[in-house]
C-alpha cells in the first residue's frame, strides 16, 4: 500500500522514533510502513490519521 508517512513525518521534523512513540509502536514498524513492507492494521491506520490530523485516504492509497 502506498503512503505518505515518510513525507508527513519529515514535514513535522519527527524522527521515526518520535513518531513510533506517539503511536505506541516500534521504530521498526514505522520503517516497514514507510518502505511499504508492512500495511498497518486498521486501528493503527486510524491512529496515524489522528496524529497527522488527516483522513486515512489522504495518507494511504491502494496504488
N, C-alpha and C. Protein backbone atom coordinates (compact mmCIF):
# COMPACT_ATOMS: atom_id res chain seq x y z
N UNK A 1 0.84 -1.17 0.00
CA UNK A 1 0.00 0.00 0.00
C UNK A 1 0.89 1.25 0.00
N UNK A 2 0.62 2.15 -0.92
CA UNK A 2 1.36 3.40 -0.99
C UNK A 2 0.94 4.29 0.18
N UNK A 3 1.89 5.11 0.66
CA UNK A 3 1.55 6.02 1.75
C UNK A 3 2.47 7.23 1.75
N UNK A 4 2.05 8.26 2.45
CA UNK A 4 2.81 9.50 2.56
C UNK A 4 3.45 9.65 3.93
N UNK A 5 3.59 8.57 4.65
CA UNK A 5 4.04 8.64 6.03
C UNK A 5 5.41 9.31 6.15
N UNK A 6 6.36 8.92 5.33
CA UNK A 6 7.70 9.50 5.40
C UNK A 6 7.66 11.01 5.17
N UNK A 7 6.91 11.45 4.15
CA UNK A 7 6.82 12.87 3.84
C UNK A 7 6.14 13.65 4.97
N UNK A 8 5.05 13.11 5.50
CA UNK A 8 4.33 13.78 6.57
C UNK A 8 5.20 13.89 7.83
N UNK A 9 5.90 12.82 8.13
CA UNK A 9 6.79 12.81 9.30
C UNK A 9 7.89 13.84 9.13
N UNK A 10 8.50 13.88 7.94
CA UNK A 10 9.58 14.82 7.67
C UNK A 10 9.10 16.27 7.75
N UNK A 11 7.89 16.54 7.27
CA UNK A 11 7.35 17.90 7.33
C UNK A 11 7.26 18.40 8.77
N UNK A 12 7.03 17.50 9.68
CA UNK A 12 6.92 17.88 11.09
C UNK A 12 8.25 17.81 11.83
N UNK A 13 9.27 17.33 11.14
CA UNK A 13 10.59 17.24 11.76
C UNK A 13 10.70 16.13 12.79
N UNK A 14 9.87 15.11 12.67
CA UNK A 14 9.89 13.99 13.62
C UNK A 14 10.78 12.88 13.10
N UNK A 15 11.50 12.25 13.99
CA UNK A 15 12.24 11.04 13.64
C UNK A 15 11.27 9.86 13.63
N UNK A 16 11.75 8.75 13.09
CA UNK A 16 10.92 7.54 13.13
C UNK A 16 10.63 7.16 14.58
N UNK A 17 11.62 7.34 15.44
CA UNK A 17 11.44 7.01 16.86
C UNK A 17 10.38 7.89 17.50
N UNK A 18 10.41 9.19 17.20
CA UNK A 18 9.40 10.09 17.77
C UNK A 18 8.00 9.72 17.34
N UNK A 19 7.83 9.42 16.05
CA UNK A 19 6.51 9.02 15.56
C UNK A 19 6.10 7.70 16.20
N UNK A 20 7.02 6.77 16.29
CA UNK A 20 6.71 5.47 16.91
C UNK A 20 6.23 5.66 18.35
N UNK A 21 6.88 6.55 19.09
CA UNK A 21 6.48 6.79 20.47
C UNK A 21 5.07 7.39 20.53
N UNK A 22 4.76 8.30 19.62
CA UNK A 22 3.42 8.90 19.57
C UNK A 22 2.35 7.85 19.29
N UNK A 23 2.71 6.85 18.48
CA UNK A 23 1.75 5.82 18.07
C UNK A 23 1.82 4.56 18.94
N UNK A 24 2.80 4.52 19.86
CA UNK A 24 3.00 3.36 20.72
C UNK A 24 3.28 2.08 19.93
N UNK A 25 4.17 2.24 18.93
CA UNK A 25 4.64 1.09 18.15
C UNK A 25 6.17 1.18 18.10
N UNK A 26 6.81 0.20 17.51
CA UNK A 26 8.26 0.22 17.42
C UNK A 26 8.72 1.09 16.24
N UNK A 27 9.96 1.54 16.31
CA UNK A 27 10.54 2.28 15.19
C UNK A 27 10.59 1.40 13.94
N UNK A 28 10.82 0.11 14.16
CA UNK A 28 10.86 -0.83 13.03
C UNK A 28 9.52 -0.89 12.31
N UNK A 29 8.42 -0.76 13.06
CA UNK A 29 7.09 -0.76 12.43
C UNK A 29 6.95 0.46 11.54
N UNK A 30 7.37 1.62 12.02
CA UNK A 30 7.30 2.85 11.22
C UNK A 30 8.14 2.69 9.97
N UNK A 31 9.34 2.16 10.13
CA UNK A 31 10.23 1.95 8.98
C UNK A 31 9.59 1.02 7.96
N UNK A 32 9.00 -0.05 8.41
CA UNK A 32 8.38 -1.02 7.50
C UNK A 32 7.19 -0.41 6.76
N UNK A 33 6.40 0.40 7.45
CA UNK A 33 5.26 1.06 6.80
C UNK A 33 5.78 2.05 5.76
N UNK A 34 6.76 2.86 6.13
CA UNK A 34 7.30 3.86 5.20
C UNK A 34 7.89 3.21 3.96
N UNK A 35 8.50 2.05 4.11
CA UNK A 35 9.10 1.35 2.97
C UNK A 35 8.15 0.38 2.29
N UNK A 36 6.87 0.47 2.68
CA UNK A 36 5.79 -0.33 2.07
C UNK A 36 6.03 -1.83 2.17
N UNK A 37 6.69 -2.25 3.25
CA UNK A 37 6.88 -3.67 3.51
C UNK A 37 5.81 -4.20 4.46
N UNK A 38 5.04 -3.28 5.04
CA UNK A 38 4.03 -3.65 6.03
C UNK A 38 2.86 -2.70 5.90
N UNK A 39 1.64 -3.25 5.82
CA UNK A 39 0.44 -2.44 5.83
C UNK A 39 -0.09 -2.41 7.26
N UNK A 40 -0.34 -1.21 7.78
CA UNK A 40 -0.80 -1.12 9.17
C UNK A 40 -2.19 -1.71 9.34
N UNK A 41 -2.46 -2.18 10.54
CA UNK A 41 -3.81 -2.63 10.87
C UNK A 41 -4.75 -1.42 10.78
N UNK A 42 -6.03 -1.67 10.68
CA UNK A 42 -7.00 -0.58 10.61
C UNK A 42 -6.92 0.33 11.84
N UNK A 43 -6.85 -0.23 13.06
CA UNK A 43 -6.72 0.66 14.22
C UNK A 43 -5.45 1.52 14.17
N UNK A 44 -4.34 0.96 13.71
CA UNK A 44 -3.10 1.73 13.60
C UNK A 44 -3.25 2.80 12.52
N UNK A 45 -3.88 2.47 11.41
CA UNK A 45 -4.10 3.46 10.36
C UNK A 45 -4.94 4.63 10.88
N UNK A 46 -5.96 4.33 11.69
CA UNK A 46 -6.76 5.40 12.30
C UNK A 46 -5.90 6.24 13.24
N UNK A 47 -5.03 5.60 14.01
CA UNK A 47 -4.15 6.34 14.92
C UNK A 47 -3.19 7.25 14.14
N UNK A 48 -2.66 6.74 13.04
CA UNK A 48 -1.77 7.54 12.20
C UNK A 48 -2.51 8.76 11.66
N UNK A 49 -3.72 8.54 11.16
CA UNK A 49 -4.53 9.64 10.64
C UNK A 49 -4.81 10.68 11.73
N UNK A 50 -5.06 10.21 12.93
CA UNK A 50 -5.34 11.12 14.05
C UNK A 50 -4.11 11.95 14.39
N UNK A 51 -2.94 11.32 14.44
CA UNK A 51 -1.69 12.02 14.77
C UNK A 51 -1.43 13.14 13.75
N UNK A 52 -1.70 12.86 12.48
CA UNK A 52 -1.44 13.84 11.43
C UNK A 52 -2.65 14.72 11.13
N UNK A 53 -3.76 14.48 11.83
CA UNK A 53 -4.99 15.26 11.65
C UNK A 53 -5.42 15.29 10.19
N UNK A 54 -5.44 14.11 9.59
CA UNK A 54 -5.82 13.95 8.18
C UNK A 54 -6.70 12.72 8.05
N UNK A 55 -7.53 12.65 7.00
CA UNK A 55 -8.27 11.41 6.76
C UNK A 55 -7.32 10.30 6.30
N UNK A 56 -7.69 9.08 6.64
CA UNK A 56 -6.86 7.92 6.23
C UNK A 56 -6.59 7.93 4.72
N UNK A 57 -7.61 8.25 3.94
CA UNK A 57 -7.50 8.23 2.49
C UNK A 57 -6.46 9.21 1.97
N UNK A 58 -6.17 10.26 2.74
CA UNK A 58 -5.16 11.23 2.31
C UNK A 58 -3.74 10.73 2.56
N UNK A 59 -3.61 9.74 3.43
CA UNK A 59 -2.30 9.20 3.79
C UNK A 59 -1.98 7.92 3.06
N UNK A 60 -2.99 7.06 2.91
CA UNK A 60 -2.80 5.74 2.31
C UNK A 60 -3.59 5.61 1.02
N UNK A 61 -3.01 4.93 0.04
CA UNK A 61 -3.73 4.63 -1.21
C UNK A 61 -3.35 3.24 -1.69
N UNK A 62 -4.23 2.65 -2.46
CA UNK A 62 -4.01 1.30 -2.97
C UNK A 62 -3.00 1.27 -4.11
N UNK A 63 -2.70 2.39 -4.71
CA UNK A 63 -1.79 2.43 -5.87
C UNK A 63 -0.35 2.43 -5.44
